[in-house]
Amino acid sequence: MLEIVVGIMAECLEKPSEEINGSDEFRNYGEWDSLAYLSVIAAIDERYDYVVPLEDFRSCRTVASLAEYLENHVGK
């Protein structure tokens, strides 16, 4: 799941996936803004047919924590 989330982040932030690590706090990326947030939410919804609630998304600090959240919630 981490590899998938890295790919989603890379696509939404228009950033090479090699520059994204699981331990990164994605809100610290210079490209992160409200449009990036909406793009990530939309990409997750498109791929998994699941919308991450805002409060849950806010609780995810790192790329890996978002991947872990999705592992625990998608398809359940």
PDB file of N, CA and C in Angstrom:
ATOM      1  N   MET A   1       0.824  -1.202   0.000  1.00  0.00           N
ATOM      2  CA  MET A   1       0.000   0.000   0.000  1.00  0.00           C
ATOM      3  C   MET A   1       0.867   1.265   0.000  1.00  0.00           C
ATOM      4  N   LEU A   2       2.018   1.196   0.674  1.00  0.00           N
ATOM      5  CA  LEU A   2       2.888   2.367   0.726  1.00  0.00           C
ATOM      6  C   LEU A   2       3.320   2.790  -0.671  1.00  0.00           C
ATOM      7  N   GLU A   3       3.670   1.836  -1.498  1.00  0.00           N
ATOM      8  CA  GLU A   3       4.100   2.147  -2.863  1.00  0.00           C
ATOM      9  C   GLU A   3       2.975   2.839  -3.641  1.00  0.00           C
ATOM     10  N   ILE A   4       1.754   2.407  -3.426  1.00  0.00           N
ATOM     11  CA  ILE A   4       0.605   3.009  -4.103  1.00  0.00           C
ATOM     12  C   ILE A   4       0.405   4.443  -3.635  1.00  0.00           C
ATOM     13  N   VAL A   5       0.481   4.662  -2.320  1.00  0.00           N
ATOM     14  CA  VAL A   5       0.292   6.012  -1.782  1.00  0.00           C
ATOM     15  C   VAL A   5       1.419   6.934  -2.243  1.00  0.00           C
ATOM     16  N   VAL A   6       2.629   6.427  -2.302  1.00  0.00           N
ATOM     17  CA  VAL A   6       3.742   7.225  -2.829  1.00  0.00           C
ATOM     18  C   VAL A   6       3.437   7.627  -4.267  1.00  0.00           C
ATOM     19  N   GLY A   7       2.923   6.704  -5.063  1.00  0.00           N
ATOM     20  CA  GLY A   7       2.558   7.010  -6.443  1.00  0.00           C
ATOM     21  C   GLY A   7       1.469   8.056  -6.545  1.00  0.00           C
ATOM     22  N   ILE A   8       0.464   7.943  -5.686  1.00  0.00           N
ATOM     23  CA  ILE A   8      -0.623   8.932  -5.665  1.00  0.00           C
ATOM     24  C   ILE A   8      -0.063  10.301  -5.296  1.00  0.00           C
ATOM     25  N   MET A   9       0.752  10.351  -4.256  1.00  0.00           N
ATOM     26  CA  MET A   9       1.346  11.629  -3.829  1.00  0.00           C
ATOM     27  C   MET A   9       2.195  12.218  -4.949  1.00  0.00           C
ATOM     28  N   ALA A  10       3.014  11.376  -5.581  1.00  0.00           N
ATOM     29  CA  ALA A  10       3.884  11.857  -6.651  1.00  0.00           C
ATOM     30  C   ALA A  10       3.065  12.452  -7.791  1.00  0.00           C
ATOM     31  N   GLU A  11       2.016  11.756  -8.168  1.00  0.00           N
ATOM     32  CA  GLU A  11       1.176  12.246  -9.262  1.00  0.00           C
ATOM     33  C   GLU A  11       0.483  13.551  -8.885  1.00  0.00           C
ATOM     34  N   CYS A  12      -0.094  13.594  -7.692  1.00  0.00           N
ATOM     35  CA  CYS A  12      -0.853  14.784  -7.278  1.00  0.00           C
ATOM     36  C   CYS A  12       0.038  15.989  -7.027  1.00  0.00           C
ATOM     37  N   LEU A  13       1.256  15.734  -6.560  1.00  0.00           N
ATOM     38  CA  LEU A  13       2.175  16.836  -6.269  1.00  0.00           C
ATOM     39  C   LEU A  13       3.086  17.161  -7.452  1.00  0.00           C
ATOM     40  N   GLU A  14       2.946  16.356  -8.535  1.00  0.00           N
ATOM     41  CA  GLU A  14       3.805  16.522  -9.704  1.00  0.00           C
ATOM     42  C   GLU A  14       5.272  16.524  -9.276  1.00  0.00           C
ATOM     43  N   LYS A  15       5.612  15.467  -8.537  1.00  0.00           N
ATOM     44  CA  LYS A  15       6.934  15.329  -7.927  1.00  0.00           C
ATOM     45  C   LYS A  15       7.411  13.905  -8.215  1.00  0.00           C
ATOM     46  N   PRO A  16       8.680  13.685  -8.500  1.00  0.00           N
ATOM     47  CA  PRO A  16       9.165  12.325  -8.728  1.00  0.00           C
ATOM     48  C   PRO A  16       8.942  11.440  -7.501  1.00  0.00           C
ATOM     49  N   SER A  17       8.495  10.233  -7.719  1.00  0.00           N
ATOM     50  CA  SER A  17       8.213   9.332  -6.594  1.00  0.00           C
ATOM     51  C   SER A  17       9.470   9.046  -5.781  1.00  0.00           C
ATOM     52  N   GLU A  18      10.641   9.148  -6.393  1.00  0.00           N
ATOM     53  CA  GLU A  18      11.891   8.933  -5.673  1.00  0.00           C
ATOM     54  C   GLU A  18      12.121   9.975  -4.578  1.00  0.00           C
ATOM     55  N   GLU A  19      11.446  11.106  -4.686  1.00  0.00           N
ATOM     56  CA  GLU A  19      11.600  12.178  -3.701  1.00  0.00           C
ATOM     57  C   GLU A  19      10.591  12.068  -2.558  1.00  0.00           C
ATOM     58  N   ILE A  20       9.780  11.018  -2.566  1.00  0.00           N
ATOM     59  CA  ILE A  20       8.755  10.836  -1.542  1.00  0.00           C
ATOM     60  C   ILE A  20       9.089   9.591  -0.728  1.00  0.00           C
ATOM     61  N   ASN A  21       9.170   9.769   0.580  1.00  0.00           N
ATOM     62  CA  ASN A  21       9.490   8.669   1.485  1.00  0.00           C
ATOM     63  C   ASN A  21       8.345   8.468   2.466  1.00  0.00           C
ATOM     64  N   GLY A  22       8.211   7.250   2.941  1.00  0.00           N
ATOM     65  CA  GLY A  22       7.150   6.935   3.889  1.00  0.00           C
ATOM     66  C   GLY A  22       7.203   7.756   5.151  1.00  0.00           C
ATOM     67  N   SER A  23       8.395   8.113   5.582  1.00  0.00           N
ATOM     68  CA  SER A  23       8.539   8.875   6.833  1.00  0.00           C
ATOM     69  C   SER A  23       8.319  10.381   6.653  1.00  0.00           C
ATOM     70  N   ASP A  24       8.158  10.819   5.418  1.00  0.00           N
ATOM     71  CA  ASP A  24       7.946  12.251   5.150  1.00  0.00           C
ATOM     72  C   ASP A  24       6.594  12.721   5.669  1.00  0.00           C
ATOM     73  N   GLU A  25       6.583  13.889   6.294  1.00  0.00           N
ATOM     74  CA  GLU A  25       5.322  14.552   6.624  1.00  0.00           C
ATOM     75  C   GLU A  25       4.904  15.309   5.368  1.00  0.00           C
ATOM     76  N   PHE A  26       3.880  14.768   4.696  1.00  0.00           N
ATOM     77  CA  PHE A  26       3.543  15.298   3.373  1.00  0.00           C
ATOM     78  C   PHE A  26       3.094  16.745   3.404  1.00  0.00           C
ATOM     79  N   ARG A  27       2.607  17.232   4.524  1.00  0.00           N
ATOM     80  CA  ARG A  27       2.208  18.640   4.612  1.00  0.00           C
ATOM     81  C   ARG A  27       3.418  19.578   4.554  1.00  0.00           C
ATOM     82  N   ASN A  28       4.615  19.027   4.721  1.00  0.00           N
ATOM     83  CA  ASN A  28       5.833  19.830   4.646  1.00  0.00           C
ATOM     84  C   ASN A  28       6.374  19.963   3.231  1.00  0.00           C
ATOM     85  N   TYR A  29       5.792  19.238   2.282  1.00  0.00           N
ATOM     86  CA  TYR A  29       6.216  19.394   0.897  1.00  0.00           C
ATOM     87  C   TYR A  29       5.838  20.792   0.422  1.00  0.00           C
ATOM     88  N   GLY A  30       6.747  21.437  -0.278  1.00  0.00           N
ATOM     89  CA  GLY A  30       6.469  22.772  -0.803  1.00  0.00           C
ATOM     90  C   GLY A  30       5.275  22.806  -1.734  1.00  0.00           C
ATOM     91  N   GLU A  31       4.985  21.672  -2.372  1.00  0.00           N
ATOM     92  CA  GLU A  31       3.871  21.590  -3.320  1.00  0.00           C
ATOM     93  C   GLU A  31       2.525  21.352  -2.627  1.00  0.00           C
ATOM     94  N   TRP A  32       2.541  21.085  -1.311  1.00  0.00           N
ATOM     95  CA  TRP A  32       1.306  20.735  -0.608  1.00  0.00           C
ATOM     96  C   TRP A  32       0.443  21.980  -0.400  1.00  0.00           C
ATOM     97  N   ASP A  33      -0.799  21.893  -0.821  1.00  0.00           N
ATOM     98  CA  ASP A  33      -1.778  22.952  -0.597  1.00  0.00           C
ATOM     99  C   ASP A  33      -3.161  22.318  -0.653  1.00  0.00           C
ATOM    100  N   SER A  34      -4.203  23.142  -0.599  1.00  0.00           N
ATOM    101  CA  SER A  34      -5.563  22.600  -0.571  1.00  0.00           C
ATOM    102  C   SER A  34      -5.898  21.852  -1.858  1.00  0.00           C
ATOM    103  N   LEU A  35      -5.352  22.279  -2.974  1.00  0.00           N
ATOM    104  CA  LEU A  35      -5.586  21.575  -4.239  1.00  0.00           C
ATOM    105  C   LEU A  35      -4.930  20.194  -4.215  1.00  0.00           C
ATOM    106  N   ALA A  36      -3.731  20.110  -3.656  1.00  0.00           N
ATOM    107  CA  ALA A  36      -3.059  18.815  -3.529  1.00  0.00           C
ATOM    108  C   ALA A  36      -3.882  17.890  -2.630  1.00  0.00           C
ATOM    109  N   TYR A  37      -4.397  18.427  -1.531  1.00  0.00           N
ATOM    110  CA  TYR A  37      -5.248  17.636  -0.633  1.00  0.00           C
ATOM    111  C   TYR A  37      -6.446  17.071  -1.397  1.00  0.00           C
ATOM    112  N   LEU A  38      -7.137  17.923  -2.127  1.00  0.00           N
ATOM    113  CA  LEU A  38      -8.307  17.476  -2.889  1.00  0.00           C
ATOM    114  C   LEU A  38      -7.920  16.454  -3.950  1.00  0.00           C
ATOM    115  N   SER A  39      -6.780  16.646  -4.566  1.00  0.00           N
ATOM    116  CA  SER A  39      -6.309  15.699  -5.583  1.00  0.00           C
ATOM    117  C   SER A  39      -6.021  14.330  -4.979  1.00  0.00           C
ATOM    118  N   VAL A  40      -5.395  14.309  -3.807  1.00  0.00           N
ATOM    119  CA  VAL A  40      -5.094  13.045  -3.135  1.00  0.00           C
ATOM    120  C   VAL A  40      -6.391  12.340  -2.737  1.00  0.00           C
ATOM    121  N   ILE A  41      -7.319  13.084  -2.150  1.00  0.00           N
ATOM    122  CA  ILE A  41      -8.607  12.505  -1.755  1.00  0.00           C
ATOM    123  C   ILE A  41      -9.331  11.941  -2.980  1.00  0.00           C
ATOM    124  N   ALA A  42      -9.330  12.696  -4.080  1.00  0.00           N
ATOM    125  CA  ALA A  42     -10.005  12.244  -5.307  1.00  0.00           C
ATOM    126  C   ALA A  42      -9.322  11.005  -5.885  1.00  0.00           C
ATOM    127  N   ALA A  43      -7.995  10.966  -5.861  1.00  0.00           N
ATOM    128  CA  ALA A  43      -7.271   9.811  -6.395  1.00  0.00           C
ATOM    129  C   ALA A  43      -7.552   8.556  -5.566  1.00  0.00           C
ATOM    130  N   ILE A  44      -7.622   8.709  -4.248  1.00  0.00           N
ATOM    131  CA  ILE A  44      -7.946   7.566  -3.382  1.00  0.00           C
ATOM    132  C   ILE A  44      -9.370   7.105  -3.650  1.00  0.00           C
ATOM    133  N   ASP A  45     -10.285   8.046  -3.782  1.00  0.00           N
ATOM    134  CA  ASP A  45     -11.687   7.706  -4.065  1.00  0.00           C
ATOM    135  C   ASP A  45     -11.803   6.986  -5.407  1.00  0.00           C
ATOM    136  N   GLU A  46     -11.104   7.480  -6.408  1.00  0.00           N
ATOM    137  CA  GLU A  46     -11.167   6.875  -7.745  1.00  0.00           C
ATOM    138  C   GLU A  46     -10.600   5.452  -7.728  1.00  0.00           C
ATOM    139  N   ARG A  47      -9.509   5.271  -7.020  1.00  0.00           N
ATOM    140  CA  ARG A  47      -8.847   3.964  -7.001  1.00  0.00           C
ATOM    141  C   ARG A  47      -9.569   2.950  -6.120  1.00  0.00           C
ATOM    142  N   TYR A  48     -10.068   3.400  -4.958  1.00  0.00           N
ATOM    143  CA  TYR A  48     -10.621   2.476  -3.965  1.00  0.00           C
ATOM    144  C   TYR A  48     -12.105   2.657  -3.688  1.00  0.00           C
ATOM    145  N   ASP A  49     -12.732   3.662  -4.321  1.00  0.00           N
ATOM    146  CA  ASP A  49     -14.132   3.967  -4.052  1.00  0.00           C
ATOM    147  C   ASP A  49     -14.356   4.198  -2.554  1.00  0.00           C
ATOM    148  N   TYR A  50     -13.445   4.967  -1.968  1.00  0.00           N
ATOM    149  CA  TYR A  50     -13.471   5.268  -0.537  1.00  0.00           C
ATOM    150  C   TYR A  50     -13.027   6.707  -0.335  1.00  0.00           C
ATOM    151  N   VAL A  51     -13.833   7.477   0.391  1.00  0.00           N
ATOM    152  CA  VAL A  51     -13.486   8.859   0.699  1.00  0.00           C
ATOM    153  C   VAL A  51     -12.988   8.910   2.136  1.00  0.00           C
ATOM    154  N   VAL A  52     -11.760   9.354   2.312  1.00  0.00           N
ATOM    155  CA  VAL A  52     -11.183   9.480   3.647  1.00  0.00           C
ATOM    156  C   VAL A  52     -11.827  10.682   4.325  1.00  0.00           C
ATOM    157  N   PRO A  53     -12.486  10.474   5.476  1.00  0.00           N
ATOM    158  CA  PRO A  53     -13.078  11.618   6.193  1.00  0.00           C
ATOM    159  C   PRO A  53     -11.995  12.631   6.584  1.00  0.00           C
ATOM    160  N   LEU A  54     -12.351  13.900   6.570  1.00  0.00           N
ATOM    161  CA  LEU A  54     -11.404  14.979   6.834  1.00  0.00           C
ATOM    162  C   LEU A  54     -10.665  14.771   8.153  1.00  0.00           C
ATOM    163  N   GLU A  55     -11.378  14.453   9.219  1.00  0.00           N
ATOM    164  CA  GLU A  55     -10.725  14.260  10.524  1.00  0.00           C
ATOM    165  C   GLU A  55      -9.711  13.125  10.471  1.00  0.00           C
ATOM    166  N   ASP A  56     -10.057  12.055   9.778  1.00  0.00           N
ATOM    167  CA  ASP A  56      -9.133  10.931   9.658  1.00  0.00           C
ATOM    168  C   ASP A  56      -7.908  11.328   8.845  1.00  0.00           C
ATOM    169  N   PHE A  57      -8.121  12.086   7.772  1.00  0.00           N
ATOM    170  CA  PHE A  57      -6.987  12.523   6.950  1.00  0.00           C
ATOM    171  C   PHE A  57      -6.057  13.411   7.768  1.00  0.00           C
ATOM    172  N   ARG A  58      -6.645  14.283   8.570  1.00  0.00           N
ATOM    173  CA  ARG A  58      -5.830  15.172   9.401  1.00  0.00           C
ATOM    174  C   ARG A  58      -4.984  14.405  10.406  1.00  0.00           C
ATOM    175  N   SER A  59      -5.461  13.250  10.828  1.00  0.00           N
ATOM    176  CA  SER A  59      -4.708  12.456  11.811  1.00  0.00           C
ATOM    177  C   SER A  59      -3.504  11.756  11.175  1.00  0.00           C
ATOM    178  N   CYS A  60      -3.489  11.661   9.863  1.00  0.00           N
ATOM    179  CA  CYS A  60      -2.357  11.051   9.154  1.00  0.00           C
ATOM    180  C   CYS A  60      -1.288  12.111   8.941  1.00  0.00           C
ATOM    181  N   ARG A  61      -0.123  11.892   9.513  1.00  0.00           N
ATOM    182  CA  ARG A  61       0.943  12.875   9.412  1.00  0.00           C
ATOM    183  C   ARG A  61       1.943  12.557   8.303  1.00  0.00           C
ATOM    184  N   THR A  62       2.203  11.288   8.129  1.00  0.00           N
ATOM    185  CA  THR A  62       3.237  10.890   7.167  1.00  0.00           C
ATOM    186  C   THR A  62       2.610  10.112   6.012  1.00  0.00           C
ATOM    187  N   VAL A  63       3.383   9.947   4.975  1.00  0.00           N
ATOM    188  CA  VAL A  63       2.948   9.153   3.826  1.00  0.00           C
ATOM    189  C   VAL A  63       2.639   7.729   4.306  1.00  0.00           C
ATOM    190  N   ALA A  64       3.497   7.185   5.163  1.00  0.00           N
ATOM    191  CA  ALA A  64       3.291   5.824   5.673  1.00  0.00           C
ATOM    192  C   ALA A  64       2.039   5.728   6.538  1.00  0.00           C
ATOM    193  N   SER A  65       1.745   6.757   7.325  1.00  0.00           N
ATOM    194  CA  SER A  65       0.544   6.698   8.169  1.00  0.00           C
ATOM    195  C   SER A  65      -0.722   6.739   7.318  1.00  0.00           C
ATOM    196  N   LEU A  66      -0.684   7.449   6.202  1.00  0.00           N
ATOM    197  CA  LEU A  66      -1.826   7.451   5.295  1.00  0.00           C
ATOM    198  C   LEU A  66      -1.982   6.074   4.659  1.00  0.00           C
ATOM    199  N   ALA A  67      -0.867   5.465   4.272  1.00  0.00           N
ATOM    200  CA  ALA A  67      -0.918   4.117   3.698  1.00  0.00           C
ATOM    201  C   ALA A  67      -1.468   3.120   4.718  1.00  0.00           C
ATOM    202  N   GLU A  68      -1.035   3.229   5.950  1.00  0.00           N
ATOM    203  CA  GLU A  68      -1.522   2.338   7.007  1.00  0.00           C
ATOM    204  C   GLU A  68      -3.016   2.552   7.247  1.00  0.00           C
ATOM    205  N   TYR A  69      -3.437   3.804   7.251  1.00  0.00           N
ATOM    206  CA  TYR A  69      -4.864   4.104   7.412  1.00  0.00           C
ATOM    207  C   TYR A  69      -5.667   3.413   6.316  1.00  0.00           C
ATOM    208  N   LEU A  70      -5.227   3.547   5.081  1.00  0.00           N
ATOM    209  CA  LEU A  70      -5.944   2.938   3.964  1.00  0.00           C
ATOM    210  C   LEU A  70      -5.964   1.419   4.076  1.00  0.00           C
ATOM    211  N   GLU A  71      -4.855   0.826   4.491  1.00  0.00           N
ATOM    212  CA  GLU A  71      -4.822  -0.631   4.696  1.00  0.00           C
ATOM    213  C   GLU A  71      -5.887  -1.079   5.693  1.00  0.00           C
ATOM    214  N   ASN A  72      -6.116  -0.255   6.702  1.00  0.00           N
ATOM    215  CA  ASN A  72      -7.056  -0.602   7.765  1.00  0.00           C
ATOM    216  C   ASN A  72      -8.515  -0.270   7.447  1.00  0.00           C
ATOM    217  N   HIS A  73      -8.753   0.562   6.435  1.00  0.00           N
ATOM    218  CA  HIS A  73     -10.120   1.038   6.193  1.00  0.00           C
ATOM    219  C   HIS A  73     -10.706   0.704   4.820  1.00  0.00           C
ATOM    220  N   VAL A  74      -9.883   0.561   3.819  1.00  0.00           N
ATOM    221  CA  VAL A  74     -10.377   0.309   2.474  1.00  0.00           C
ATOM    222  C   VAL A  74     -10.866  -1.135   2.374  1.00  0.00           C
ATOM    223  N   GLY A  75     -12.071  -1.269   1.863  1.00  0.00           N
ATOM    224  CA  GLY A  75     -12.635  -2.602   1.658  1.00  0.00           C
ATOM    225  C   GLY A  75     -13.156  -3.267   2.916  1.00  0.00           C
ATOM    226  N   LYS A  76     -13.344  -2.495   3.964  1.00  0.00           N
ATOM    227  CA  LYS A  76     -13.833  -3.083   5.217  1.00  0.00           C
ATOM    228  C   LYS A  76     -15.218  -2.599   5.527  1.00  0.00           C
TER     229      LYS A  76
END
